Amino acid sequence: MRRVECRQCGKVKLEKLDWLSSNPSYTKRFAFFVGKRCRSMTIQAVAKEERMDWHTVKDMDKQYMQEQLDRASRPNPKVVGIDEISIGKGHDYRIVVSDLEKRRPIWFGGPDRSEKSMDLFYQSLGPSRAGRIRLAVMDMWKPFENSALRNAPGAAILYDKFHVIRHLQDALDTVRKREYARVSGTDRSFIKGQKYTLLSRQENLTLDGRQSLKKLLGANRRLNTAYLLKESFVQLWDYNSEGWARRFFENWKTSLKWQRLKPYEAFAKMVERHWDGIAAHCRPENKIALGFVEGLNNKIRVIQRRAYGLRDEGYLRLKVLTCMLQEI
């Protein structure tokens, strides 16, 4: 590289070459090769394989991911999915917003999961692009909803199916714990160690799991009733008419009478309070695959686990925003 004297400022500067990376000892092509390796390997493993310094590999990975973002289209979402992830011990959260139509994360940030933190996303879009959002998918966290209603007034609010079902699974698990405490002897042996068998969908169980479930439900009538109610509630998302969905929910609530399932009664009251956001899925324009947000959360957890936790939040942000982008 040549050293040149600037005629304007009089300083001596290094010549810039397009094919060099930010570290002039390596080419961009090699830096992108290293960054591509870091998509599936740890920094330490790549550094050992290439016989390079750990910090050099990390810098190359950052350059690679930044290039991915620069080449990606500018976010202009119509349907967004909003969720939070934990980045440390305690209640230390960051918000992740995804474009559910293009199936990629488009924003990561906020010091917490408050309404002010959520506002930062809409501010990054600007009033014009925020006004084009027609659907916001989220859990039942009120600050997310308040921010969406204020910053994207044209957007419908849809509560994520998987978060609603998770509340129902928690209710079923509470029933399981109470039944375990109530019974004794042989009846307890059927319940012990069967938490995930009971919470899983029947079609997802192995042959051994189905046999264990059959024994458990045959031995405990209350758990059998709670399990059947949990399995049947999923039908709510199959309706294309809010009226029929409401009729189904009323019948489901009626079936709770005389069953002495207090956690289920509390769940039914929660659904009643958030009915508009749940029933929004019945409208044809709101029919969209909702599994991407949960899949993205699992991918982020894999990234964190592979790195044994990421203390560099800027690096984590790049990892999250580029995890669904095409390789360079």
C-alpha atoms as a PDB file:
ATOM      1  CA  MET A   1       0.000   0.000   0.000  1.00  0.00           C
ATOM      2  CA  ARG A   2       1.286   3.417  -0.941  1.00  0.00           C
ATOM      3  CA  ARG A   3       1.516   6.340   1.451  1.00  0.00           C
ATOM      4  CA  VAL A   4       0.241   9.575  -0.089  1.00  0.00           C
ATOM      5  CA  GLU A   5       0.202  13.177   1.048  1.00  0.00           C
ATOM      6  CA  CYS A   6      -3.237  14.803   0.946  1.00  0.00           C
ATOM      7  CA  ARG A   7      -3.175  18.108  -0.920  1.00  0.00           C
ATOM      8  CA  GLN A   8      -6.113  19.472   1.070  1.00  0.00           C
ATOM      9  CA  CYS A   9      -5.127  18.740   4.663  1.00  0.00           C
ATOM     10  CA  GLY A  10      -1.408  18.039   4.190  1.00  0.00           C
ATOM     11  CA  LYS A  11      -1.570  14.758   6.132  1.00  0.00           C
ATOM     12  CA  VAL A  12       0.028  11.502   5.037  1.00  0.00           C
ATOM     13  CA  LYS A  13      -2.589   8.783   4.447  1.00  0.00           C
ATOM     14  CA  LEU A  14      -2.648   5.168   3.293  1.00  0.00           C
ATOM     15  CA  GLU A  15      -4.099   4.377  -0.103  1.00  0.00           C
ATOM     16  CA  LYS A  16      -7.502   2.644   0.078  1.00  0.00           C
ATOM     17  CA  LEU A  17      -7.974  -0.527  -1.958  1.00  0.00           C
ATOM     18  CA  ASP A  18     -11.442  -2.038  -2.479  1.00  0.00           C
ATOM     19  CA  TRP A  19     -10.205  -5.615  -2.187  1.00  0.00           C
ATOM     20  CA  LEU A  20      -8.614  -5.094   1.255  1.00  0.00           C
ATOM     21  CA  SER A  21     -10.499  -5.758   4.476  1.00  0.00           C
ATOM     22  CA  SER A  22     -10.603  -3.354   7.418  1.00  0.00           C
ATOM     23  CA  ASN A  23      -7.433  -5.115   8.557  1.00  0.00           C
ATOM     24  CA  PRO A  24      -4.945  -4.310   5.733  1.00  0.00           C
ATOM     25  CA  SER A  25      -3.106  -7.572   6.373  1.00  0.00           C
ATOM     26  CA  TYR A  26      -5.965  -9.555   4.815  1.00  0.00           C
ATOM     27  CA  THR A  27      -8.107  -9.335   1.685  1.00  0.00           C
ATOM     28  CA  LYS A  28     -11.886  -8.951   1.782  1.00  0.00           C
ATOM     29  CA  ARG A  29     -12.242 -12.319   0.120  1.00  0.00           C
ATOM     30  CA  PHE A  30     -10.379 -14.021   2.958  1.00  0.00           C
ATOM     31  CA  ALA A  31     -12.271 -11.998   5.584  1.00  0.00           C
ATOM     32  CA  PHE A  32     -15.590 -13.109   4.071  1.00  0.00           C
ATOM     33  CA  PHE A  33     -14.342 -16.715   4.013  1.00  0.00           C
ATOM     34  CA  VAL A  34     -13.595 -16.485   7.742  1.00  0.00           C
ATOM     35  CA  GLY A  35     -16.955 -14.804   8.413  1.00  0.00           C
ATOM     36  CA  LYS A  36     -18.780 -17.576   6.556  1.00  0.00           C
ATOM     37  CA  ARG A  37     -17.011 -20.162   8.717  1.00  0.00           C
ATOM     38  CA  CYS A  38     -18.135 -18.312  11.843  1.00  0.00           C
ATOM     39  CA  ARG A  39     -21.794 -18.859  10.881  1.00  0.00           C
ATOM     40  CA  SER A  40     -21.511 -22.510  11.903  1.00  0.00           C
ATOM     41  CA  MET A  41     -18.408 -22.543  14.140  1.00  0.00           C
ATOM     42  CA  THR A  42     -17.209 -20.735  17.236  1.00  0.00           C
ATOM     43  CA  ILE A  43     -14.627 -17.955  16.924  1.00  0.00           C
ATOM     44  CA  GLN A  44     -12.164 -20.051  18.904  1.00  0.00           C
ATOM     45  CA  ALA A  45     -12.566 -23.026  16.553  1.00  0.00           C
ATOM     46  CA  VAL A  46     -12.061 -20.873  13.446  1.00  0.00           C
ATOM     47  CA  ALA A  47      -9.038 -19.134  15.009  1.00  0.00           C
ATOM     48  CA  LYS A  48      -7.466 -22.507  15.788  1.00  0.00           C
ATOM     49  CA  GLU A  49      -8.214 -23.852  12.308  1.00  0.00           C
ATOM     50  CA  GLU A  50      -6.785 -20.796  10.519  1.00  0.00           C
ATOM     51  CA  ARG A  51      -3.993 -20.239  13.088  1.00  0.00           C
ATOM     52  CA  MET A  52      -5.097 -16.675  13.723  1.00  0.00           C
ATOM     53  CA  ASP A  53      -5.665 -14.479  16.749  1.00  0.00           C
ATOM     54  CA  TRP A  54      -9.132 -14.737  18.332  1.00  0.00           C
ATOM     55  CA  HIS A  55      -9.767 -10.974  18.099  1.00  0.00           C
ATOM     56  CA  THR A  56      -8.745 -10.892  14.423  1.00  0.00           C
ATOM     57  CA  VAL A  57     -11.295 -13.610  13.599  1.00  0.00           C
ATOM     58  CA  LYS A  58     -13.997 -11.734  15.494  1.00  0.00           C
ATOM     59  CA  ASP A  59     -13.241  -8.505  13.617  1.00  0.00           C
ATOM     60  CA  MET A  60     -13.444 -10.353  10.301  1.00  0.00           C
ATOM     61  CA  ASP A  61     -16.764 -11.905  11.319  1.00  0.00           C
ATOM     62  CA  LYS A  62     -18.115  -8.444  12.166  1.00  0.00           C
ATOM     63  CA  GLN A  63     -17.010  -7.113   8.788  1.00  0.00           C
ATOM     64  CA  TYR A  64     -18.679 -10.052   7.033  1.00  0.00           C
ATOM     65  CA  MET A  65     -21.985  -9.567   8.883  1.00  0.00           C
ATOM     66  CA  GLN A  66     -21.973  -5.805   8.311  1.00  0.00           C
ATOM     67  CA  GLU A  67     -21.524  -6.457   4.589  1.00  0.00           C
ATOM     68  CA  GLN A  68     -24.514  -8.801   4.717  1.00  0.00           C
ATOM     69  CA  LEU A  69     -26.636  -6.045   6.261  1.00  0.00           C
ATOM     70  CA  ASP A  70     -25.420  -3.477   3.734  1.00  0.00           C
ATOM     71  CA  ARG A  71     -26.420  -5.761   0.855  1.00  0.00           C
ATOM     72  CA  ALA A  72     -29.836  -6.585   2.337  1.00  0.00           C
ATOM     73  CA  SER A  73     -32.850  -4.491   1.380  1.00  0.00           C
ATOM     74  CA  ARG A  74     -33.961  -1.656   3.634  1.00  0.00           C
ATOM     75  CA  PRO A  75     -36.649  -2.842   6.095  1.00  0.00           C
ATOM     76  CA  ASN A  76     -40.130  -1.912   4.931  1.00  0.00           C
ATOM     77  CA  PRO A  77     -42.331  -4.409   6.784  1.00  0.00           C
ATOM     78  CA  LYS A  78     -46.063  -4.920   6.406  1.00  0.00           C
ATOM     79  CA  VAL A  79     -46.324  -7.712   9.000  1.00  0.00           C
ATOM     80  CA  VAL A  80     -44.041  -7.658  12.056  1.00  0.00           C
ATOM     81  CA  GLY A  81     -43.428 -10.186  14.793  1.00  0.00           C
ATOM     82  CA  ILE A  82     -42.353  -8.782  18.172  1.00  0.00           C
ATOM     83  CA  ASP A  83     -40.700 -10.774  20.930  1.00  0.00           C
ATOM     84  CA  GLU A  84     -38.030 -10.405  23.588  1.00  0.00           C
ATOM     85  CA  ILE A  85     -34.941 -12.442  24.432  1.00  0.00           C
ATOM     86  CA  SER A  86     -32.966 -12.687  27.640  1.00  0.00           C
ATOM     87  CA  ILE A  87     -29.299 -11.763  27.275  1.00  0.00           C
ATOM     88  CA  GLY A  88     -28.104 -12.342  30.818  1.00  0.00           C
ATOM     89  CA  LYS A  89     -29.026 -13.368  34.320  1.00  0.00           C
ATOM     90  CA  GLY A  90     -32.116 -11.831  35.859  1.00  0.00           C
ATOM     91  CA  HIS A  91     -34.623  -9.788  33.884  1.00  0.00           C
ATOM     92  CA  ASP A  92     -32.278  -8.341  31.274  1.00  0.00           C
ATOM     93  CA  TYR A  93     -34.196  -8.319  28.007  1.00  0.00           C
ATOM     94  CA  ARG A  94     -33.756  -7.056  24.453  1.00  0.00           C
ATOM     95  CA  ILE A  95     -36.512  -6.714  21.868  1.00  0.00           C
ATOM     96  CA  VAL A  96     -36.331  -8.533  18.531  1.00  0.00           C
ATOM     97  CA  VAL A  97     -38.616  -7.449  15.679  1.00  0.00           C
ATOM     98  CA  SER A  98     -38.996  -9.609  12.558  1.00  0.00           C
ATOM     99  CA  ASP A  99     -40.480  -9.124   9.111  1.00  0.00           C
ATOM    100  CA  LEU A 100     -42.794 -12.150   8.971  1.00  0.00           C
ATOM    101  CA  GLU A 101     -43.363 -11.899   5.223  1.00  0.00           C
ATOM    102  CA  LYS A 102     -39.651 -11.876   4.344  1.00  0.00           C
ATOM    103  CA  ARG A 103     -38.903 -14.117   7.321  1.00  0.00           C
ATOM    104  CA  ARG A 104     -35.935 -12.253   8.758  1.00  0.00           C
ATOM    105  CA  PRO A 105     -35.187 -10.166  11.869  1.00  0.00           C
ATOM    106  CA  ILE A 106     -34.993  -6.448  11.103  1.00  0.00           C
ATOM    107  CA  TRP A 107     -34.391  -4.796  14.499  1.00  0.00           C
ATOM    108  CA  PHE A 108     -32.650  -5.663  17.751  1.00  0.00           C
ATOM    109  CA  GLY A 109     -32.373  -3.260  20.653  1.00  0.00           C
ATOM    110  CA  GLY A 110     -33.866  -1.443  23.586  1.00  0.00           C
ATOM    111  CA  PRO A 111     -32.415  -1.437  27.099  1.00  0.00           C
ATOM    112  CA  ASP A 112     -35.409  -3.503  28.281  1.00  0.00           C
ATOM    113  CA  ARG A 113     -38.875  -4.551  27.095  1.00  0.00           C
ATOM    114  CA  SER A 114     -40.665  -1.374  28.126  1.00  0.00           C
ATOM    115  CA  GLU A 115     -42.937   0.784  25.989  1.00  0.00           C
ATOM    116  CA  LYS A 116     -40.164   3.366  25.505  1.00  0.00           C
ATOM    117  CA  SER A 117     -37.814   0.659  24.234  1.00  0.00           C
ATOM    118  CA  MET A 118     -40.466  -0.544  21.793  1.00  0.00           C
ATOM    119  CA  ASP A 119     -40.926   3.029  20.557  1.00  0.00           C
ATOM    120  CA  LEU A 120     -37.280   3.011  19.413  1.00  0.00           C
ATOM    121  CA  PHE A 121     -38.138   0.491  16.702  1.00  0.00           C
ATOM    122  CA  TYR A 122     -40.892   2.641  15.226  1.00  0.00           C
ATOM    123  CA  GLN A 123     -38.645   5.683  15.430  1.00  0.00           C
ATOM    124  CA  SER A 124     -36.017   3.818  13.400  1.00  0.00           C
ATOM    125  CA  LEU A 125     -38.618   3.136  10.711  1.00  0.00           C
ATOM    126  CA  GLY A 126     -40.012   6.647  10.651  1.00  0.00           C
ATOM    127  CA  PRO A 127     -43.709   7.651  10.543  1.00  0.00           C
ATOM    128  CA  SER A 128     -44.096   6.812   6.847  1.00  0.00           C
ATOM    129  CA  ARG A 129     -42.878   3.207   6.977  1.00  0.00           C
ATOM    130  CA  ALA A 130     -44.431   2.592  10.418  1.00  0.00           C
ATOM    131  CA  GLY A 131     -47.775   3.672   8.990  1.00  0.00           C
ATOM    132  CA  ARG A 132     -47.578   0.903   6.364  1.00  0.00           C
ATOM    133  CA  ILE A 133     -47.555  -1.882   8.977  1.00  0.00           C
ATOM    134  CA  ARG A 134     -50.894  -3.692   8.745  1.00  0.00           C
ATOM    135  CA  LEU A 135     -50.362  -6.457  11.312  1.00  0.00           C
ATOM    136  CA  ALA A 136     -48.304  -6.712  14.519  1.00  0.00           C
ATOM    137  CA  VAL A 137     -47.889 -10.179  16.037  1.00  0.00           C
ATOM    138  CA  MET A 138     -46.833 -10.244  19.687  1.00  0.00           C
ATOM    139  CA  ASP A 139     -47.369 -11.864  23.045  1.00  0.00           C
ATOM    140  CA  MET A 140     -49.821 -10.385  25.524  1.00  0.00           C
ATOM    141  CA  TRP A 141     -47.293  -7.925  26.951  1.00  0.00           C
ATOM    142  CA  LYS A 142     -49.174  -4.620  27.302  1.00  0.00           C
ATOM    143  CA  PRO A 143     -46.230  -2.224  26.570  1.00  0.00           C
ATOM    144  CA  PHE A 144     -45.767  -3.830  23.129  1.00  0.00           C
ATOM    145  CA  GLU A 145     -49.443  -3.372  22.321  1.00  0.00           C
ATOM    146  CA  ASN A 146     -49.572   0.228  23.569  1.00  0.00           C
ATOM    147  CA  SER A 147     -46.542   1.179  21.482  1.00  0.00           C
ATOM    148  CA  ALA A 148     -47.983  -0.459  18.352  1.00  0.00           C
ATOM    149  CA  LEU A 149     -51.352   1.258  18.728  1.00  0.00           C
ATOM    150  CA  ARG A 150     -49.696   4.651  19.102  1.00  0.00           C
ATOM    151  CA  ASN A 151     -46.948   4.370  16.465  1.00  0.00           C
ATOM    152  CA  ALA A 152     -48.690   2.154  13.883  1.00  0.00           C
ATOM    153  CA  PRO A 153     -52.382   3.061  14.194  1.00  0.00           C
ATOM    154  CA  GLY A 154     -53.277   1.166  11.019  1.00  0.00           C
ATOM    155  CA  ALA A 155     -51.923  -2.142  12.333  1.00  0.00           C
ATOM    156  CA  ALA A 156     -54.131  -4.908  13.685  1.00  0.00           C
ATOM    157  CA  ILE A 157     -52.939  -6.604  16.876  1.00  0.00           C
ATOM    158  CA  LEU A 158     -52.609 -10.392  16.792  1.00  0.00           C
ATOM    159  CA  TYR A 159     -51.521 -12.383  19.830  1.00  0.00           C
ATOM    160  CA  ASP A 160     -49.065 -15.144  19.036  1.00  0.00           C
ATOM    161  CA  LYS A 161     -50.702 -18.581  19.173  1.00  0.00           C
ATOM    162  CA  PHE A 162     -47.650 -20.174  20.794  1.00  0.00           C
ATOM    163  CA  HIS A 163     -47.674 -17.732  23.719  1.00  0.00           C
ATOM    164  CA  VAL A 164     -51.385 -18.382  24.332  1.00  0.00           C
ATOM    165  CA  ILE A 165     -50.831 -22.159  24.246  1.00  0.00           C
ATOM    166  CA  ARG A 166     -47.891 -21.750  26.634  1.00  0.00           C
ATOM    167  CA  HIS A 167     -50.244 -20.239  29.222  1.00  0.00           C
ATOM    168  CA  LEU A 168     -52.553 -23.239  28.770  1.00  0.00           C
ATOM    169  CA  GLN A 169     -49.611 -25.620  29.205  1.00  0.00           C
ATOM    170  CA  ASP A 170     -48.687 -23.806  32.420  1.00  0.00           C
ATOM    171  CA  ALA A 171     -52.258 -24.344  33.634  1.00  0.00           C
ATOM    172  CA  LEU A 172     -52.027 -28.061  32.789  1.00  0.00           C
ATOM    173  CA  ASP A 173     -48.687 -28.326  34.596  1.00  0.00           C
ATOM    174  CA  THR A 174     -50.216 -26.691  37.680  1.00  0.00           C
ATOM    175  CA  VAL A 175     -53.000 -29.308  37.614  1.00  0.00           C
ATOM    176  CA  ARG A 176     -50.356 -32.039  37.322  1.00  0.00           C
ATOM    177  CA  LYS A 177     -48.466 -30.737  40.364  1.00  0.00           C
ATOM    178  CA  ARG A 178     -51.654 -30.517  42.444  1.00  0.00           C
ATOM    179  CA  GLU A 179     -52.671 -34.049  41.483  1.00  0.00           C
ATOM    180  CA  TYR A 180     -49.219 -35.337  42.389  1.00  0.00           C
ATOM    181  CA  ALA A 181     -49.564 -33.707  45.815  1.00  0.00           C
ATOM    182  CA  ARG A 182     -53.136 -35.013  46.264  1.00  0.00           C
ATOM    183  CA  VAL A 183     -52.646 -38.706  45.446  1.00  0.00           C
ATOM    184  CA  SER A 184     -50.235 -41.179  46.989  1.00  0.00           C
ATOM    185  CA  GLY A 185     -48.761 -44.620  46.490  1.00  0.00           C
ATOM    186  CA  THR A 186     -49.134 -46.277  43.088  1.00  0.00           C
ATOM    187  CA  ASP A 187     -51.140 -43.356  41.658  1.00  0.00           C
ATOM    188  CA  ARG A 188     -48.137 -41.087  42.138  1.00  0.00           C
ATOM    189  CA  SER A 189     -45.871 -43.369  40.125  1.00  0.00           C
ATOM    190  CA  PHE A 190     -47.946 -42.764  36.977  1.00  0.00           C
ATOM    191  CA  ILE A 191     -47.533 -38.973  37.299  1.00  0.00           C
ATOM    192  CA  LYS A 192     -43.879 -38.788  38.331  1.00  0.00           C
ATOM    193  CA  GLY A 193     -41.522 -37.871  35.484  1.00  0.00           C
ATOM    194  CA  GLN A 194     -44.307 -37.399  32.917  1.00  0.00           C
ATOM    195  CA  LYS A 195     -44.337 -33.588  32.686  1.00  0.00           C
ATOM    196  CA  TYR A 196     -43.170 -33.293  29.085  1.00  0.00           C
ATOM    197  CA  THR A 197     -45.198 -36.305  27.997  1.00  0.00           C
ATOM    198  CA  LEU A 198     -48.298 -34.540  29.274  1.00  0.00           C
ATOM    199  CA  LEU A 199     -47.436 -31.135  27.790  1.00  0.00           C
ATOM    200  CA  SER A 200     -46.506 -32.412  24.311  1.00  0.00           C
ATOM    201  CA  ARG A 201     -48.961 -32.836  21.449  1.00  0.00           C
ATOM    202  CA  GLN A 202     -49.948 -36.475  21.063  1.00  0.00           C
ATOM    203  CA  GLU A 203     -48.770 -36.659  17.442  1.00  0.00           C
ATOM    204  CA  ASN A 204     -45.289 -35.524  18.541  1.00  0.00           C
ATOM    205  CA  LEU A 205     -44.813 -38.340  21.075  1.00  0.00           C
ATOM    206  CA  THR A 206     -42.767 -41.471  20.499  1.00  0.00           C
ATOM    207  CA  LEU A 207     -44.344 -44.923  20.885  1.00  0.00           C
ATOM    208  CA  ASP A 208     -43.036 -45.162  24.472  1.00  0.00           C
ATOM    209  CA  GLY A 209     -44.362 -41.686  25.198  1.00  0.00           C
ATOM    210  CA  ARG A 210     -47.831 -42.584  23.930  1.00  0.00           C
ATOM    211  CA  GLN A 211     -47.901 -45.706  26.061  1.00  0.00           C
ATOM    212  CA  SER A 212     -46.869 -43.727  29.163  1.00  0.00           C
ATOM    213  CA  LEU A 213     -49.512 -41.105  28.379  1.00  0.00           C
ATOM    214  CA  LYS A 214     -52.194 -43.770  28.012  1.00  0.00           C
ATOM    215  CA  LYS A 215     -51.327 -45.247  31.420  1.00  0.00           C
ATOM    216  CA  LEU A 216     -51.260 -41.800  33.045  1.00  0.00           C
ATOM    217  CA  LEU A 217     -54.611 -40.675  31.654  1.00  0.00           C
ATOM    218  CA  GLY A 218     -56.199 -44.008  32.535  1.00  0.00           C
ATOM    219  CA  ALA A 219     -55.006 -43.726  36.127  1.00  0.00           C
ATOM    220  CA  ASN A 220     -56.043 -40.115  36.825  1.00  0.00           C
ATOM    221  CA  ARG A 221     -59.441 -38.874  35.681  1.00  0.00           C
ATOM    222  CA  ARG A 222     -58.779 -35.187  36.379  1.00  0.00           C
ATOM    223  CA  LEU A 223     -55.546 -35.167  34.400  1.00  0.00           C
ATOM    224  CA  ASN A 224     -57.340 -36.999  31.593  1.00  0.00           C
ATOM    225  CA  THR A 225     -59.984 -34.260  31.456  1.00  0.00           C
ATOM    226  CA  ALA A 226     -57.345 -31.486  31.617  1.00  0.00           C
ATOM    227  CA  TYR A 227     -55.320 -33.107  28.828  1.00  0.00           C
ATOM    228  CA  LEU A 228     -58.324 -33.502  26.510  1.00  0.00           C
ATOM    229  CA  LEU A 229     -59.294 -29.863  27.111  1.00  0.00           C
ATOM    230  CA  LYS A 230     -55.765 -28.759  26.272  1.00  0.00           C
ATOM    231  CA  GLU A 231     -55.707 -30.776  23.054  1.00  0.00           C
ATOM    232  CA  SER A 232     -59.119 -29.542  21.919  1.00  0.00           C
ATOM    233  CA  PHE A 233     -58.370 -25.837  22.530  1.00  0.00           C
ATOM    234  CA  VAL A 234     -55.931 -25.755  19.589  1.00  0.00           C
ATOM    235  CA  GLN A 235     -58.952 -26.015  17.262  1.00  0.00           C
ATOM    236  CA  LEU A 236     -59.675 -22.354  18.004  1.00  0.00           C
ATOM    237  CA  TRP A 237     -57.116 -21.319  15.356  1.00  0.00           C
ATOM    238  CA  ASP A 238     -58.781 -23.451  12.653  1.00  0.00           C
ATOM    239  CA  TYR A 239     -61.835 -21.184  12.354  1.00  0.00           C
ATOM    240  CA  ASN A 240     -62.174 -18.586   9.599  1.00  0.00           C
ATOM    241  CA  SER A 241     -65.090 -16.830  11.271  1.00  0.00           C
ATOM    242  CA  GLU A 242     -64.849 -14.967  14.563  1.00  0.00           C
ATOM    243  CA  GLY A 243     -68.458 -15.916  15.337  1.00  0.00           C
ATOM    244  CA  TRP A 244     -67.772 -19.640  15.073  1.00  0.00           C
ATOM    245  CA  ALA A 245     -64.525 -19.229  17.014  1.00  0.00           C
ATOM    246  CA  ARG A 246     -66.447 -17.482  19.774  1.00  0.00           C
ATOM    247  CA  ARG A 247     -69.060 -20.253  19.856  1.00  0.00           C
ATOM    248  CA  PHE A 248     -66.290 -22.846  20.166  1.00  0.00           C
ATOM    249  CA  PHE A 249     -64.685 -20.932  23.033  1.00  0.00           C
ATOM    250  CA  GLU A 250     -68.004 -20.594  24.873  1.00  0.00           C
ATOM    251  CA  ASN A 251     -68.567 -24.359  24.577  1.00  0.00           C
ATOM    252  CA  TRP A 252     -65.003 -24.967  25.776  1.00  0.00           C
ATOM    253  CA  LYS A 253     -65.610 -22.731  28.816  1.00  0.00           C
ATOM    254  CA  THR A 254     -68.893 -24.514  29.544  1.00  0.00           C
ATOM    255  CA  SER A 255     -67.062 -27.857  29.630  1.00  0.00           C
ATOM    256  CA  LEU A 256     -64.995 -26.540  32.574  1.00  0.00           C
ATOM    257  CA  LYS A 257     -68.025 -26.532  34.871  1.00  0.00           C
ATOM    258  CA  TRP A 258     -67.894 -29.035  37.735  1.00  0.00           C
ATOM    259  CA  GLN A 259     -64.388 -30.132  36.721  1.00  0.00           C
ATOM    260  CA  ARG A 260     -62.643 -28.339  39.614  1.00  0.00           C
ATOM    261  CA  LEU A 261     -59.847 -27.120  37.356  1.00  0.00           C
ATOM    262  CA  LYS A 262     -59.084 -23.704  38.837  1.00  0.00           C
ATOM    263  CA  PRO A 263     -55.957 -23.064  36.671  1.00  0.00           C
ATOM    264  CA  TYR A 264     -58.079 -23.647  33.555  1.00  0.00           C
ATOM    265  CA  GLU A 265     -60.739 -21.248  34.790  1.00  0.00           C
ATOM    266  CA  ALA A 266     -58.049 -18.589  35.285  1.00  0.00           C
ATOM    267  CA  PHE A 267     -56.768 -19.293  31.760  1.00  0.00           C
ATOM    268  CA  ALA A 268     -60.293 -18.893  30.327  1.00  0.00           C
ATOM    269  CA  LYS A 269     -60.604 -15.493  32.040  1.00  0.00           C
ATOM    270  CA  MET A 270     -57.256 -14.427  30.545  1.00  0.00           C
ATOM    271  CA  VAL A 271     -58.432 -15.432  27.048  1.00  0.00           C
ATOM    272  CA  GLU A 272     -61.643 -13.471  27.638  1.00  0.00           C
ATOM    273  CA  ARG A 273     -59.644 -10.336  28.503  1.00  0.00           C
ATOM    274  CA  HIS A 274     -57.493 -10.663  25.365  1.00  0.00           C
ATOM    275  CA  TRP A 275     -60.140 -12.025  23.025  1.00  0.00           C
ATOM    276  CA  ASP A 276     -59.851  -9.364  20.309  1.00  0.00           C
ATOM    277  CA  GLY A 277     -56.136 -10.012  19.794  1.00  0.00           C
ATOM    278  CA  ILE A 278     -56.627 -13.800  19.733  1.00  0.00           C
ATOM    279  CA  ALA A 279     -59.690 -13.795  17.466  1.00  0.00           C
ATOM    280  CA  ALA A 280     -57.900 -11.524  14.970  1.00  0.00           C
ATOM    281  CA  HIS A 281     -56.374 -14.693  13.504  1.00  0.00           C
ATOM    282  CA  CYS A 282     -59.800 -15.648  12.108  1.00  0.00           C
ATOM    283  CA  ARG A 283     -59.697 -12.843   9.543  1.00  0.00           C
ATOM    284  CA  PRO A 284     -58.362 -14.030   6.162  1.00  0.00           C
ATOM    285  CA  GLU A 285     -55.893 -11.137   5.826  1.00  0.00           C
ATOM    286  CA  ASN A 286     -54.309 -12.114   9.165  1.00  0.00           C
ATOM    287  CA  LYS A 287     -53.681 -15.758   8.260  1.00  0.00           C
ATOM    288  CA  ILE A 288     -49.911 -15.980   8.475  1.00  0.00           C
ATOM    289  CA  ALA A 289     -47.474 -18.609   9.705  1.00  0.00           C
ATOM    290  CA  LEU A 290     -46.652 -17.808  13.321  1.00  0.00           C
ATOM    291  CA  GLY A 291     -43.867 -20.306  13.947  1.00  0.00           C
ATOM    292  CA  PHE A 292     -41.070 -18.079  12.630  1.00  0.00           C
ATOM    293  CA  VAL A 293     -40.763 -15.960  15.796  1.00  0.00           C
ATOM    294  CA  GLU A 294     -40.400 -19.025  18.020  1.00  0.00           C
ATOM    295  CA  GLY A 295     -37.980 -20.589  15.542  1.00  0.00           C
ATOM    296  CA  LEU A 296     -35.902 -17.409  15.574  1.00  0.00           C
ATOM    297  CA  ASN A 297     -35.819 -17.432  19.388  1.00  0.00           C
ATOM    298  CA  ASN A 298     -34.497 -21.002  19.303  1.00  0.00           C
ATOM    299  CA  LYS A 299     -31.832 -19.986  16.782  1.00  0.00           C
ATOM    300  CA  ILE A 300     -30.738 -17.073  19.000  1.00  0.00           C
ATOM    301  CA  ARG A 301     -30.470 -19.404  21.995  1.00  0.00           C
ATOM    302  CA  VAL A 302     -28.257 -21.724  19.929  1.00  0.00           C
ATOM    303  CA  ILE A 303     -26.016 -18.762  19.024  1.00  0.00           C
ATOM    304  CA  GLN A 304     -25.742 -17.771  22.696  1.00  0.00           C
ATOM    305  CA  ARG A 305     -25.131 -21.328  23.850  1.00  0.00           C
ATOM    306  CA  ARG A 306     -22.459 -21.940  21.201  1.00  0.00           C
ATOM    307  CA  ALA A 307     -20.583 -18.866  22.418  1.00  0.00           C
ATOM    308  CA  TYR A 308     -21.248 -19.659  26.106  1.00  0.00           C
ATOM    309  CA  GLY A 309     -23.033 -16.302  26.304  1.00  0.00           C
ATOM    310  CA  LEU A 310     -22.132 -13.181  24.347  1.00  0.00           C
ATOM    311  CA  ARG A 311     -20.952 -10.208  26.388  1.00  0.00           C
ATOM    312  CA  ASP A 312     -20.437  -8.006  23.331  1.00  0.00           C
ATOM    313  CA  GLU A 313     -23.986  -6.799  22.682  1.00  0.00           C
ATOM    314  CA  GLY A 314     -23.058  -5.178  19.372  1.00  0.00           C
ATOM    315  CA  TYR A 315     -21.709  -8.515  18.167  1.00  0.00           C
ATOM    316  CA  LEU A 316     -24.882 -10.302  19.329  1.00  0.00           C
ATOM    317  CA  ARG A 317     -26.969  -7.734  17.448  1.00  0.00           C
ATOM    318  CA  LEU A 318     -25.105  -8.500  14.214  1.00  0.00           C
ATOM    319  CA  LYS A 319     -25.483 -12.235  14.797  1.00  0.00           C
ATOM    320  CA  VAL A 320     -29.246 -11.903  15.298  1.00  0.00           C
ATOM    321  CA  LEU A 321     -29.883  -9.589  12.343  1.00  0.00           C
ATOM    322  CA  THR A 322     -27.871 -11.721   9.901  1.00  0.00           C
ATOM    323  CA  CYS A 323     -28.811 -15.236  11.017  1.00  0.00           C
ATOM    324  CA  MET A 324     -31.516 -15.489   8.316  1.00  0.00           C
ATOM    325  CA  LEU A 325     -29.689 -13.651   5.540  1.00  0.00           C
ATOM    326  CA  GLN A 326     -28.076 -15.413   2.617  1.00  0.00           C
ATOM    327  CA  GLU A 327     -24.356 -16.087   2.697  1.00  0.00           C
ATOM    328  CA  ILE A 328     -22.112 -13.815   0.666  1.00  0.00           C
END
